[in-house]
PDB file of N, CA and C in Angstrom:
ATOM      1  N   MET A   1       0.895  -1.272   0.072  1.00  0.00           N
ATOM      2  CA  MET A   1       0.178   0.116  -0.246  1.00  0.00           C
ATOM      3  C   MET A   1       1.014   1.252  -0.055  1.00  0.00           C
ATOM      4  N   ILE A   2       2.349   1.003   0.591  1.00  0.00           N
ATOM      5  CA  ILE A   2       2.839   2.612   0.656  1.00  0.00           C
ATOM      6  C   ILE A   2       4.358   1.770   0.582  1.00  0.00           C
ATOM      7  N   GLN A   3       4.495   2.598  -0.060  1.00  0.00           N
ATOM      8  CA  GLN A   3       6.222   2.199  -0.271  1.00  0.00           C
ATOM      9  C   GLN A   3       7.394   3.550  -0.249  1.00  0.00           C
ATOM     10  N   MET A   4       8.156   3.319   0.632  1.00  0.00           N
ATOM     11  CA  MET A   4       8.929   4.864   0.879  1.00  0.00           C
ATOM     12  C   MET A   4      10.264   4.464  -0.160  1.00  0.00           C
ATOM     13  N   ASP A   5      10.565   5.956  -0.275  1.00  0.00           N
ATOM     14  CA  ASP A   5      11.413   5.914  -0.780  1.00  0.00           C
ATOM     15  C   ASP A   5      12.921   7.248   0.023  1.00  0.00           C
ATOM     16  N   TYR A   6      13.590   5.708   0.519  1.00  0.00           N
ATOM     17  CA  TYR A   6      14.537   6.763   1.664  1.00  0.00           C
ATOM     18  C   TYR A   6      15.411   7.196   1.631  1.00  0.00           C
ATOM     19  N   LYS A   7      15.780   7.292   0.220  1.00  0.00           N
ATOM     20  CA  LYS A   7      17.046   8.341  -0.458  1.00  0.00           C
ATOM     21  C   LYS A   7      16.449   9.563  -0.452  1.00  0.00           C
ATOM     22  N   SER A   8      15.072   9.925  -0.681  1.00  0.00           N
ATOM     23  CA  SER A   8      14.339  10.924  -0.638  1.00  0.00           C
ATOM     24  C   SER A   8      14.827  12.259  -0.085  1.00  0.00           C
ATOM     25  N   SER A   9      14.750  13.408  -0.549  1.00  0.00           N
ATOM     26  CA  SER A   9      14.770  14.468   0.450  1.00  0.00           C
ATOM     27  C   SER A   9      13.563  14.469   1.250  1.00  0.00           C
ATOM     28  N   LYS A  10      12.511  14.193   0.802  1.00  0.00           N
ATOM     29  CA  LYS A  10      11.206  14.459   1.495  1.00  0.00           C
ATOM     30  C   LYS A  10      11.260  13.432   2.560  1.00  0.00           C
ATOM     31  N   PRO A  11      10.607  14.002   4.017  1.00  0.00           N
ATOM     32  CA  PRO A  11      10.353  13.267   5.093  1.00  0.00           C
ATOM     33  C   PRO A  11       9.634  12.075   4.928  1.00  0.00           C
ATOM     34  N   ILE A  12       9.791  11.395   5.371  1.00  0.00           N
ATOM     35  CA  ILE A  12       8.816   9.816   5.516  1.00  0.00           C
ATOM     36  C   ILE A  12       7.587  10.120   5.765  1.00  0.00           C
ATOM     37  N   TYR A  13       7.173  11.159   6.901  1.00  0.00           N
ATOM     38  CA  TYR A  13       5.607  11.190   7.148  1.00  0.00           C
ATOM     39  C   TYR A  13       5.086  12.090   6.195  1.00  0.00           C
ATOM     40  N   GLU A  14       6.087  12.720   5.226  1.00  0.00           N
ATOM     41  CA  GLU A  14       5.368  13.516   4.242  1.00  0.00           C
ATOM     42  C   GLU A  14       5.051  12.453   2.834  1.00  0.00           C
ATOM     43  N   GLN A  15       5.801  11.106   2.768  1.00  0.00           N
ATOM     44  CA  GLN A  15       5.697  10.377   1.927  1.00  0.00           C
ATOM     45  C   GLN A  15       4.250   9.692   2.186  1.00  0.00           C
ATOM     46  N   ILE A  16       4.314   9.346   3.476  1.00  0.00           N
ATOM     47  CA  ILE A  16       3.121   8.506   3.850  1.00  0.00           C
ATOM     48  C   ILE A  16       1.725   9.211   3.913  1.00  0.00           C
ATOM     49  N   ILE A  17       1.878  10.320   3.786  1.00  0.00           N
ATOM     50  CA  ILE A  17       0.480  11.298   3.958  1.00  0.00           C
ATOM     51  C   ILE A  17       0.217  11.521   2.301  1.00  0.00           C
ATOM     52  N   GLU A  18       1.381  11.745   1.419  1.00  0.00           N
ATOM     53  CA  GLU A  18       0.954  11.907  -0.119  1.00  0.00           C
ATOM     54  C   GLU A  18       0.514  10.508  -0.403  1.00  0.00           C
ATOM     55  N   GLN A  19       1.542   9.254  -0.176  1.00  0.00           N
ATOM     56  CA  GLN A  19       0.843   8.081  -0.893  1.00  0.00           C
ATOM     57  C   GLN A  19      -0.653   7.729  -0.506  1.00  0.00           C
ATOM     58  N   MET A  20      -0.824   8.022   1.169  1.00  0.00           N
ATOM     59  CA  MET A  20      -2.485   7.594   1.463  1.00  0.00           C
ATOM     60  C   MET A  20      -3.440   8.461   0.702  1.00  0.00           C
ATOM     61  N   LYS A  21      -3.277   9.739   0.533  1.00  0.00           N
ATOM     62  CA  LYS A  21      -4.002  10.812  -0.352  1.00  0.00           C
ATOM     63  C   LYS A  21      -4.225  10.313  -1.638  1.00  0.00           C
ATOM     64  N   PHE A  22      -3.011   9.946  -2.388  1.00  0.00           N
ATOM     65  CA  PHE A  22      -2.887   9.054  -3.536  1.00  0.00           C
ATOM     66  C   PHE A  22      -3.894   8.062  -3.909  1.00  0.00           C
ATOM     67  N   ASN A  23      -3.486   6.892  -2.604  1.00  0.00           N
ATOM     68  CA  ASN A  23      -4.269   5.667  -2.830  1.00  0.00           C
ATOM     69  C   ASN A  23      -5.947   5.922  -2.839  1.00  0.00           C
ATOM     70  N   VAL A  24      -6.180   7.110  -1.928  1.00  0.00           N
ATOM     71  CA  VAL A  24      -7.518   7.651  -1.766  1.00  0.00           C
ATOM     72  C   VAL A  24      -7.944   7.538  -3.479  1.00  0.00           C
ATOM     73  N   MET A  25      -7.229   8.929  -3.428  1.00  0.00           N
ATOM     74  CA  MET A  25      -7.833   9.608  -5.243  1.00  0.00           C
ATOM     75  C   MET A  25      -7.745   8.995  -5.876  1.00  0.00           C
ATOM     76  N   LYS A  26      -7.185   7.360  -6.079  1.00  0.00           N
ATOM     77  CA  LYS A  26      -7.317   6.360  -7.092  1.00  0.00           C
ATOM     78  C   LYS A  26      -8.034   5.587  -6.568  1.00  0.00           C
ATOM     79  N   LYS A  27      -8.760   5.808  -5.330  1.00  0.00           N
ATOM     80  CA  LYS A  27      -9.735   4.819  -4.897  1.00  0.00           C
ATOM     81  C   LYS A  27      -8.831   3.322  -5.070  1.00  0.00           C
ATOM     82  N   TYR A  28      -8.023   3.263  -4.564  1.00  0.00           N
ATOM     83  CA  TYR A  28      -7.698   1.925  -4.112  1.00  0.00           C
ATOM     84  C   TYR A  28      -7.818   1.957  -2.515  1.00  0.00           C
ATOM     85  N   LEU A  29      -8.195   2.726  -1.868  1.00  0.00           N
ATOM     86  CA  LEU A  29      -8.894   2.891  -0.626  1.00  0.00           C
ATOM     87  C   LEU A  29     -10.041   3.885  -0.484  1.00  0.00           C
ATOM     88  N   SER A  30     -11.247   3.259  -0.115  1.00  0.00           N
ATOM     89  CA  SER A  30     -12.632   3.669  -0.280  1.00  0.00           C
ATOM     90  C   SER A  30     -12.747   4.326   1.258  1.00  0.00           C
ATOM     91  N   PRO A  31     -14.094   5.147   1.412  1.00  0.00           N
ATOM     92  CA  PRO A  31     -14.259   5.498   2.560  1.00  0.00           C
ATOM     93  C   PRO A  31     -14.741   4.449   3.584  1.00  0.00           C
ATOM     94  N   GLY A  32     -14.332   4.155   4.967  1.00  0.00           N
ATOM     95  CA  GLY A  32     -14.572   2.989   5.545  1.00  0.00           C
ATOM     96  C   GLY A  32     -13.526   2.048   5.796  1.00  0.00           C
ATOM     97  N   ASP A  33     -12.465   2.042   4.737  1.00  0.00           N
ATOM     98  CA  ASP A  33     -11.761   1.033   5.102  1.00  0.00           C
ATOM     99  C   ASP A  33     -11.022   0.905   5.676  1.00  0.00           C
ATOM    100  N   ALA A  34     -10.232   0.066   6.401  1.00  0.00           N
ATOM    101  CA  ALA A  34      -9.481  -0.077   7.733  1.00  0.00           C
ATOM    102  C   ALA A  34      -8.186  -0.047   6.990  1.00  0.00           C
ATOM    103  N   ILE A  35      -7.368   1.095   7.884  1.00  0.00           N
ATOM    104  CA  ILE A  35      -5.718   1.021   7.471  1.00  0.00           C
ATOM    105  C   ILE A  35      -5.070   0.745   8.798  1.00  0.00           C
ATOM    106  N   PRO A  36      -3.737   0.309   8.353  1.00  0.00           N
ATOM    107  CA  PRO A  36      -2.944  -0.406   9.168  1.00  0.00           C
ATOM    108  C   PRO A  36      -2.748   0.067  10.776  1.00  0.00           C
ATOM    109  N   SER A  37      -2.631  -0.226  11.976  1.00  0.00           N
ATOM    110  CA  SER A  37      -2.408   0.730  12.932  1.00  0.00           C
ATOM    111  C   SER A  37      -1.008   1.358  12.771  1.00  0.00           C
ATOM    112  N   VAL A  38      -0.683   2.274  13.815  1.00  0.00           N
ATOM    113  CA  VAL A  38       0.513   2.856  13.656  1.00  0.00           C
ATOM    114  C   VAL A  38       1.166   1.833  13.937  1.00  0.00           C
ATOM    115  N   ARG A  39       1.311   1.135  14.787  1.00  0.00           N
ATOM    116  CA  ARG A  39       2.344   0.123  15.220  1.00  0.00           C
ATOM    117  C   ARG A  39       2.654  -0.808  14.154  1.00  0.00           C
ATOM    118  N   LYS A  40       1.655  -1.402  13.547  1.00  0.00           N
ATOM    119  CA  LYS A  40       1.803  -2.202  12.358  1.00  0.00           C
ATOM    120  C   LYS A  40       2.549  -1.529  11.282  1.00  0.00           C
ATOM    121  N   LEU A  41       1.884  -0.477  10.603  1.00  0.00           N
ATOM    122  CA  LEU A  41       2.711   0.306   9.591  1.00  0.00           C
ATOM    123  C   LEU A  41       4.140   0.402   9.727  1.00  0.00           C
ATOM    124  N   ALA A  42       4.579   0.954  11.115  1.00  0.00           N
ATOM    125  CA  ALA A  42       5.907   1.183  11.432  1.00  0.00           C
ATOM    126  C   ALA A  42       6.453   0.099  11.331  1.00  0.00           C
ATOM    127  N   LEU A  43       6.042  -1.148  11.350  1.00  0.00           N
ATOM    128  CA  LEU A  43       6.808  -2.435  11.382  1.00  0.00           C
ATOM    129  C   LEU A  43       7.053  -2.511  10.213  1.00  0.00           C
ATOM    130  N   GLU A  44       6.058  -2.429   9.370  1.00  0.00           N
ATOM    131  CA  GLU A  44       5.894  -3.096   7.882  1.00  0.00           C
ATOM    132  C   GLU A  44       6.795  -1.802   7.017  1.00  0.00           C
ATOM    133  N   LEU A  45       7.281  -0.639   7.417  1.00  0.00           N
ATOM    134  CA  LEU A  45       8.076   0.005   6.431  1.00  0.00           C
ATOM    135  C   LEU A  45       9.166   0.365   7.245  1.00  0.00           C
ATOM    136  N   LYS A  46       9.712  -0.335   8.695  1.00  0.00           N
ATOM    137  CA  LYS A  46      10.678  -0.604   8.970  1.00  0.00           C
ATOM    138  C   LYS A  46      10.869   0.927   9.606  1.00  0.00           C
ATOM    139  N   ILE A  47      10.211   1.462  10.103  1.00  0.00           N
ATOM    140  CA  ILE A  47      10.489   3.196  10.546  1.00  0.00           C
ATOM    141  C   ILE A  47      10.028   3.244  12.203  1.00  0.00           C
ATOM    142  N   THR A  48      10.277   4.335  13.013  1.00  0.00           N
ATOM    143  CA  THR A  48       9.562   4.158  14.210  1.00  0.00           C
ATOM    144  C   THR A  48       8.004   5.105  14.413  1.00  0.00           C
ATOM    145  N   PRO A  49       7.182   4.287  15.058  1.00  0.00           N
ATOM    146  CA  PRO A  49       5.863   4.471  15.271  1.00  0.00           C
ATOM    147  C   PRO A  49       5.599   6.130  15.427  1.00  0.00           C
ATOM    148  N   GLY A  50       6.399   6.647  15.392  1.00  0.00           N
ATOM    149  CA  GLY A  50       6.554   7.947  15.699  1.00  0.00           C
ATOM    150  C   GLY A  50       6.325   8.755  14.706  1.00  0.00           C
ATOM    151  N   THR A  51       6.875   8.344  13.880  1.00  0.00           N
ATOM    152  CA  THR A  51       7.119   8.944  12.211  1.00  0.00           C
ATOM    153  C   THR A  51       5.500   8.731  11.665  1.00  0.00           C
ATOM    154  N   VAL A  52       5.270   7.691  11.725  1.00  0.00           N
ATOM    155  CA  VAL A  52       3.551   7.030  11.300  1.00  0.00           C
ATOM    156  C   VAL A  52       2.235   7.735  12.126  1.00  0.00           C
ATOM    157  N   ALA A  53       2.700   8.288  13.428  1.00  0.00           N
ATOM    158  CA  ALA A  53       1.782   8.622  14.142  1.00  0.00           C
ATOM    159  C   ALA A  53       1.846  10.074  13.723  1.00  0.00           C
ATOM    160  N   LYS A  54       2.882  10.830  13.318  1.00  0.00           N
ATOM    161  CA  LYS A  54       2.824  11.955  12.949  1.00  0.00           C
ATOM    162  C   LYS A  54       2.299  12.417  11.697  1.00  0.00           C
ATOM    163  N   ALA A  55       2.161  10.955  10.548  1.00  0.00           N
ATOM    164  CA  ALA A  55       1.557  11.333   9.102  1.00  0.00           C
ATOM    165  C   ALA A  55       0.171  10.981   9.594  1.00  0.00           C
ATOM    166  N   TYR A  56       0.095   9.940  10.423  1.00  0.00           N
ATOM    167  CA  TYR A  56      -1.290   9.957  10.712  1.00  0.00           C
ATOM    168  C   TYR A  56      -2.344  11.275  11.203  1.00  0.00           C
ATOM    169  N   GLN A  57      -1.806  11.330  12.593  1.00  0.00           N
ATOM    170  CA  GLN A  57      -2.394  12.848  12.934  1.00  0.00           C
ATOM    171  C   GLN A  57      -2.501  13.950  11.734  1.00  0.00           C
ATOM    172  N   GLU A  58      -1.763  14.264  10.844  1.00  0.00           N
ATOM    173  CA  GLU A  58      -1.946  15.388  10.151  1.00  0.00           C
ATOM    174  C   GLU A  58      -2.829  14.863   8.936  1.00  0.00           C
ATOM    175  N   LEU A  59      -2.954  13.515   8.594  1.00  0.00           N
ATOM    176  CA  LEU A  59      -4.218  13.096   7.569  1.00  0.00           C
ATOM    177  C   LEU A  59      -5.320  13.194   8.403  1.00  0.00           C
ATOM    178  N   GLU A  60      -5.739  12.962   9.648  1.00  0.00           N
ATOM    179  CA  GLU A  60      -6.947  12.901  10.365  1.00  0.00           C
ATOM    180  C   GLU A  60      -7.231  14.820  10.304  1.00  0.00           C
ATOM    181  N   ARG A  61      -5.938  15.317  10.708  1.00  0.00           N
ATOM    182  CA  ARG A  61      -6.638  17.272  10.705  1.00  0.00           C
ATOM    183  C   ARG A  61      -7.035  17.390   9.604  1.00  0.00           C
ATOM    184  N   GLN A  62      -6.478  16.375   8.125  1.00  0.00           N
ATOM    185  CA  GLN A  62      -6.690  17.173   6.941  1.00  0.00           C
ATOM    186  C   GLN A  62      -8.314  16.503   6.486  1.00  0.00           C
ATOM    187  N   GLY A  63      -8.852  15.393   7.513  1.00  0.00           N
ATOM    188  CA  GLY A  63      -9.886  14.734   7.219  1.00  0.00           C
ATOM    189  C   GLY A  63     -10.176  13.867   6.177  1.00  0.00           C
ATOM    190  N   VAL A  64      -9.011  12.952   6.179  1.00  0.00           N
ATOM    191  CA  VAL A  64      -8.808  11.918   5.395  1.00  0.00           C
ATOM    192  C   VAL A  64      -8.920  10.838   6.126  1.00  0.00           C
ATOM    193  N   ILE A  65      -8.241  10.379   7.414  1.00  0.00           N
ATOM    194  CA  ILE A  65      -8.732   9.527   7.854  1.00  0.00           C
ATOM    195  C   ILE A  65      -9.687   9.493   9.245  1.00  0.00           C
ATOM    196  N   GLU A  66      -9.903   8.645  10.298  1.00  0.00           N
ATOM    197  CA  GLU A  66     -10.661   9.090  11.415  1.00  0.00           C
ATOM    198  C   GLU A  66     -10.296   7.893  12.051  1.00  0.00           C
ATOM    199  N   THR A  67     -10.036   8.115  13.809  1.00  0.00           N
ATOM    200  CA  THR A  67      -9.860   6.780  14.304  1.00  0.00           C
ATOM    201  C   THR A  67     -10.609   6.611  14.870  1.00  0.00           C
ATOM    202  N   ILE A  68     -11.280   5.261  15.136  1.00  0.00           N
ATOM    203  CA  ILE A  68     -12.340   5.098  16.294  1.00  0.00           C
ATOM    204  C   ILE A  68     -12.118   4.431  17.697  1.00  0.00           C
ATOM    205  N   ARG A  69     -11.612   5.015  18.679  1.00  0.00           N
ATOM    206  CA  ARG A  69     -11.117   4.271  20.039  1.00  0.00           C
ATOM    207  C   ARG A  69     -11.344   2.677  19.899  1.00  0.00           C
ATOM    208  N   GLY A  70     -10.726   1.400  20.254  1.00  0.00           N
ATOM    209  CA  GLY A  70     -11.371   0.013  20.178  1.00  0.00           C
ATOM    210  C   GLY A  70     -11.561  -0.446  19.266  1.00  0.00           C
ATOM    211  N   LYS A  71     -11.348   0.406  17.982  1.00  0.00           N
ATOM    212  CA  LYS A  71     -11.960  -0.299  16.492  1.00  0.00           C
ATOM    213  C   LYS A  71     -10.590  -0.353  15.552  1.00  0.00           C
ATOM    214  N   GLY A  72      -9.774   0.957  15.594  1.00  0.00           N
ATOM    215  CA  GLY A  72      -8.795   1.284  14.570  1.00  0.00           C
ATOM    216  C   GLY A  72      -8.567   2.701  14.058  1.00  0.00           C
ATOM    217  N   THR A  73      -8.321   2.432  13.013  1.00  0.00           N
ATOM    218  CA  THR A  73      -8.052   3.602  12.033  1.00  0.00           C
ATOM    219  C   THR A  73      -8.801   3.259  10.541  1.00  0.00           C
ATOM    220  N   PHE A  74      -9.666   4.649   9.868  1.00  0.00           N
ATOM    221  CA  PHE A  74     -10.695   3.973   8.494  1.00  0.00           C
ATOM    222  C   PHE A  74     -10.244   5.518   7.886  1.00  0.00           C
ATOM    223  N   ILE A  75     -10.355   5.010   6.459  1.00  0.00           N
ATOM    224  CA  ILE A  75     -10.333   6.334   5.905  1.00  0.00           C
ATOM    225  C   ILE A  75     -11.587   6.785   6.248  1.00  0.00           C
ATOM    226  N   ALA A  76     -11.776   7.796   6.086  1.00  0.00           N
ATOM    227  CA  ALA A  76     -12.916   8.963   6.435  1.00  0.00           C
ATOM    228  C   ALA A  76     -14.096   8.730   5.740  1.00  0.00           C
ATOM    229  N   SER A  77     -15.520   8.456   6.551  1.00  0.00           N
ATOM    230  CA  SER A  77     -16.509   8.042   5.911  1.00  0.00           C
ATOM    231  C   SER A  77     -17.321   8.939   5.147  1.00  0.00           C
ATOM    232  N   GLU A  78     -17.034  10.127   5.280  1.00  0.00           N
ATOM    233  CA  GLU A  78     -17.436  11.376   4.443  1.00  0.00           C
ATOM    234  C   GLU A  78     -15.751  12.261   4.402  1.00  0.00           C
ATOM    235  N   LEU A  79     -14.953  12.195   3.148  1.00  0.00           N
ATOM    236  CA  LEU A  79     -13.883  12.882   3.071  1.00  0.00           C
ATOM    237  C   LEU A  79     -14.320  14.491   2.763  1.00  0.00           C
ATOM    238  N   ASP A  80     -13.628  15.053   3.851  1.00  0.00           N
ATOM    239  CA  ASP A  80     -13.964  16.259   4.022  1.00  0.00           C
ATOM    240  C   ASP A  80     -12.943  17.205   4.164  1.00  0.00           C
ATOM    241  N   ILE A  81     -11.990  17.410   2.999  1.00  0.00           N
ATOM    242  CA  ILE A  81     -10.474  17.795   2.395  1.00  0.00           C
ATOM    243  C   ILE A  81     -10.843  19.329   2.478  1.00  0.00           C
ATOM    244  N   LYS A  82     -10.238  19.978   3.592  1.00  0.00           N
ATOM    245  CA  LYS A  82     -10.220  21.553   3.869  1.00  0.00           C
ATOM    246  C   LYS A  82      -9.157  21.882   3.093  1.00  0.00           C
ATOM    247  N   GLN A  83      -9.727  23.177   2.377  1.00  0.00           N
ATOM    248  CA  GLN A  83      -8.424  24.067   1.407  1.00  0.00           C
ATOM    249  C   GLN A  83      -7.757  24.561   2.556  1.00  0.00           C
ATOM    250  N   ASP A  84      -6.549  24.604   2.496  1.00  0.00           N
ATOM    251  CA  ASP A  84      -5.686  24.738   3.191  1.00  0.00           C
ATOM    252  C   ASP A  84      -4.709  26.307   2.574  1.00  0.00           C
ATOM    253  N   ASP A  85      -5.160  27.432   3.307  1.00  0.00           N
ATOM    254  CA  ASP A  85      -4.141  28.728   2.595  1.00  0.00           C
ATOM    255  C   ASP A  85      -2.861  28.745   2.293  1.00  0.00           C
ATOM    256  N   SER A  86      -2.361  28.263   3.656  1.00  0.00           N
ATOM    257  CA  SER A  86      -0.821  28.404   3.926  1.00  0.00           C
ATOM    258  C   SER A  86      -0.369  27.308   2.902  1.00  0.00           C
ATOM    259  N   LYS A  87      -0.849  26.316   2.672  1.00  0.00           N
ATOM    260  CA  LYS A  87      -0.156  24.957   1.933  1.00  0.00           C
ATOM    261  C   LYS A  87      -0.495  25.688   0.545  1.00  0.00           C
ATOM    262  N   ILE A  88      -1.636  26.315   0.155  1.00  0.00           N
ATOM    263  CA  ILE A  88      -1.929  26.796  -1.421  1.00  0.00           C
ATOM    264  C   ILE A  88      -0.712  27.357  -1.568  1.00  0.00           C
ATOM    265  N   GLN A  89      -0.204  28.435  -0.812  1.00  0.00           N
ATOM    266  CA  GLN A  89       0.992  29.485  -1.019  1.00  0.00           C
ATOM    267  C   GLN A  89       1.981  29.045  -1.264  1.00  0.00           C
ATOM    268  N   ALA A  90       2.585  27.659  -0.646  1.00  0.00           N
ATOM    269  CA  ALA A  90       3.886  26.964  -0.334  1.00  0.00           C
ATOM    270  C   ALA A  90       3.692  26.290  -1.800  1.00  0.00           C
ATOM    271  N   ILE A  91       2.367  25.841  -2.359  1.00  0.00           N
ATOM    272  CA  ILE A  91       2.561  25.109  -3.144  1.00  0.00           C
ATOM    273  C   ILE A  91       3.039  25.808  -4.612  1.00  0.00           C
ATOM    274  N   LYS A  92       2.176  27.117  -4.687  1.00  0.00           N
ATOM    275  CA  LYS A  92       2.328  28.067  -5.597  1.00  0.00           C
ATOM    276  C   LYS A  92       3.804  28.486  -5.705  1.00  0.00           C
ATOM    277  N   LYS A  93       4.664  28.436  -4.506  1.00  0.00           N
ATOM    278  CA  LYS A  93       6.096  28.986  -4.616  1.00  0.00           C
ATOM    279  C   LYS A  93       6.666  27.838  -5.236  1.00  0.00           C
ATOM    280  N   ARG A  94       6.927  26.574  -4.825  1.00  0.00           N
ATOM    281  CA  ARG A  94       7.245  25.094  -5.541  1.00  0.00           C
ATOM    282  C   ARG A  94       6.987  25.375  -7.046  1.00  0.00           C
ATOM    283  N   ILE A  95       5.768  25.643  -7.638  1.00  0.00           N
ATOM    284  CA  ILE A  95       5.329  25.673  -8.922  1.00  0.00           C
ATOM    285  C   ILE A  95       6.069  26.601  -9.623  1.00  0.00           C
ATOM    286  N   SER A  96       5.879  28.026  -8.866  1.00  0.00           N
ATOM    287  CA  SER A  96       6.567  28.886 -10.036  1.00  0.00           C
ATOM    288  C   SER A  96       8.079  28.679  -9.874  1.00  0.00           C
ATOM    289  N   THR A  97       8.541  27.948  -9.019  1.00  0.00           N
ATOM    290  CA  THR A  97      10.475  27.737  -9.554  1.00  0.00           C
ATOM    291  C   THR A  97      10.184  26.497 -10.266  1.00  0.00           C
ATOM    292  N   GLU A  98       9.409  25.538 -10.400  1.00  0.00           N
ATOM    293  CA  GLU A  98       9.571  24.657 -11.483  1.00  0.00           C
ATOM    294  C   GLU A  98       9.013  25.559 -12.879  1.00  0.00           C
ATOM    295  N   ILE A  99       8.313  26.208 -13.179  1.00  0.00           N
ATOM    296  CA  ILE A  99       7.861  26.911 -14.218  1.00  0.00           C
ATOM    297  C   ILE A  99       8.941  28.231 -14.732  1.00  0.00           C
ATOM    298  N   LEU A 100       9.688  28.772 -13.899  1.00  0.00           N
ATOM    299  CA  LEU A 100      10.803  29.457 -14.222  1.00  0.00           C
ATOM    300  C   LEU A 100      12.124  28.140 -14.870  1.00  0.00           C
ATOM    301  N   GLU A 101      12.523  27.145 -14.346  1.00  0.00           N
ATOM    302  CA  GLU A 101      12.958  25.957 -14.656  1.00  0.00           C
ATOM    303  C   GLU A 101      12.749  25.410 -16.311  1.00  0.00           C
ATOM    304  N   LEU A 102      11.352  25.605 -16.530  1.00  0.00           N
ATOM    305  CA  LEU A 102      10.655  25.333 -17.980  1.00  0.00           C
ATOM    306  C   LEU A 102      11.084  26.379 -18.888  1.00  0.00           C
ATOM    307  N   LYS A 103      11.029  27.481 -18.119  1.00  0.00           N
ATOM    308  CA  LYS A 103      11.042  28.637 -18.875  1.00  0.00           C
ATOM    309  C   LYS A 103      12.919  28.562 -19.631  1.00  0.00           C
ATOM    310  N   MET A 104      13.796  28.526 -18.556  1.00  0.00           N
ATOM    311  CA  MET A 104      14.829  28.403 -18.792  1.00  0.00           C
ATOM    312  C   MET A 104      15.303  27.511 -20.389  1.00  0.00           C
ATOM    313  N   MET A 105      14.473  26.479 -19.909  1.00  0.00           N
ATOM    314  CA  MET A 105      14.376  25.692 -20.715  1.00  0.00           C
ATOM    315  C   MET A 105      13.714  25.457 -22.314  1.00  0.00           C
ATOM    316  N   GLY A 106      12.980  26.606 -22.201  1.00  0.00           N
ATOM    317  CA  GLY A 106      12.523  26.938 -23.622  1.00  0.00           C
ATOM    318  C   GLY A 106      11.149  26.899 -23.888  1.00  0.00           C
ATOM    319  N   TYR A 107      10.307  26.383 -22.472  1.00  0.00           N
ATOM    320  CA  TYR A 107       9.103  25.858 -22.583  1.00  0.00           C
ATOM    321  C   TYR A 107       8.372  27.393 -22.450  1.00  0.00           C
ATOM    322  N   ASP A 108       7.145  27.103 -23.807  1.00  0.00           N
ATOM    323  CA  ASP A 108       6.557  28.774 -23.684  1.00  0.00           C
ATOM    324  C   ASP A 108       5.467  28.091 -22.723  1.00  0.00           C
ATOM    325  N   LYS A 109       3.963  28.847 -22.879  1.00  0.00           N
ATOM    326  CA  LYS A 109       3.350  28.815 -22.028  1.00  0.00           C
ATOM    327  C   LYS A 109       2.223  27.611 -22.410  1.00  0.00           C
ATOM    328  N   LYS A 110       2.065  27.547 -23.569  1.00  0.00           N
ATOM    329  CA  LYS A 110       1.056  26.324 -23.978  1.00  0.00           C
ATOM    330  C   LYS A 110       1.726  25.090 -23.770  1.00  0.00           C
ATOM    331  N   GLN A 111       3.249  25.068 -23.744  1.00  0.00           N
ATOM    332  CA  GLN A 111       4.283  23.735 -23.875  1.00  0.00           C
ATOM    333  C   GLN A 111       3.952  23.244 -22.115  1.00  0.00           C
ATOM    334  N   THR A 112       3.849  24.729 -21.440  1.00  0.00           N
ATOM    335  CA  THR A 112       3.897  24.466 -19.793  1.00  0.00           C
ATOM    336  C   THR A 112       2.584  23.883 -19.709  1.00  0.00           C
ATOM    337  N   VAL A 113       1.125  24.383 -19.658  1.00  0.00           N
ATOM    338  CA  VAL A 113       0.762  24.278 -19.493  1.00  0.00           C
ATOM    339  C   VAL A 113      -0.108  22.581 -19.978  1.00  0.00           C
ATOM    340  N   GLU A 114       0.022  22.375 -21.396  1.00  0.00           N
ATOM    341  CA  GLU A 114       0.117  20.952 -21.619  1.00  0.00           C
ATOM    342  C   GLU A 114       0.791  20.057 -20.647  1.00  0.00           C
ATOM    343  N   LEU A 115       2.227  20.453 -20.505  1.00  0.00           N
ATOM    344  CA  LEU A 115       2.443  19.359 -19.405  1.00  0.00           C
ATOM    345  C   LEU A 115       2.069  19.342 -18.132  1.00  0.00           C
ATOM    346  N   VAL A 116       1.556  20.384 -17.755  1.00  0.00           N
ATOM    347  CA  VAL A 116       0.797  20.391 -16.197  1.00  0.00           C
ATOM    348  C   VAL A 116      -0.524  19.168 -16.504  1.00  0.00           C
ATOM    349  N   LYS A 117      -1.083  19.508 -17.455  1.00  0.00           N
ATOM    350  CA  LYS A 117      -2.297  18.904 -17.814  1.00  0.00           C
ATOM    351  C   LYS A 117      -2.010  17.253 -18.002  1.00  0.00           C
ATOM    352  N   ASN A 118      -0.912  16.990 -18.543  1.00  0.00           N
ATOM    353  CA  ASN A 118      -0.718  15.417 -18.756  1.00  0.00           C
ATOM    354  C   ASN A 118      -0.410  14.863 -17.398  1.00  0.00           C
ATOM    355  N   ILE A 119       0.362  16.104 -16.190  1.00  0.00           N
ATOM    356  CA  ILE A 119       0.558  15.270 -15.080  1.00  0.00           C
ATOM    357  C   ILE A 119      -0.726  15.049 -14.362  1.00  0.00           C
ATOM    358  N   PHE A 120      -1.353  15.819 -14.371  1.00  0.00           N
ATOM    359  CA  PHE A 120      -2.578  16.373 -13.737  1.00  0.00           C
ATOM    360  C   PHE A 120      -3.385  14.739 -13.944  1.00  0.00           C
ATOM    361  N   ASP A 121      -3.581  14.484 -15.220  1.00  0.00           N
ATOM    362  CA  ASP A 121      -4.123  13.006 -15.630  1.00  0.00           C
ATOM    363  C   ASP A 121      -3.586  12.093 -15.536  1.00  0.00           C
ATOM    364  N   GLU A 122      -2.322  12.080 -15.232  1.00  0.00           N
ATOM    365  CA  GLU A 122      -1.506  11.088 -14.902  1.00  0.00           C
ATOM    366  C   GLU A 122      -2.180  10.519 -13.614  1.00  0.00           C
ATOM    367  N   ILE A 123      -2.296  11.447 -12.492  1.00  0.00           N
ATOM    368  CA  ILE A 123      -2.248  11.681 -11.435  1.00  0.00           C
ATOM    369  C   ILE A 123      -3.823  11.020 -10.886  1.00  0.00           C
TER     370      ILE A 123
END
């Protein structure tokens, strides 16, 4: 379900968040589906439970998962993913940097938009 890239500069907890969201978007995980406990996922990925707990806390804050005491952790029955303005600003900054790189390589606006559309469709 989740594969880590231990050589990536992206923190492991962020990789977990990203892959959980990807699995939900691709409908590999549906509302109500159980996900591994913090301890179980930590053992599977060979990482500390604190790292998984941090990812799960953020996923819960974002409305992607819900924990039911005594039963486990599940994909939220009603996905209520809220817009996070600070996160959008950070994303805009990263996209701006990448667009600048594309411009430096000679991409025009049409080519850049087409590239983004293709990436969006792949996800």
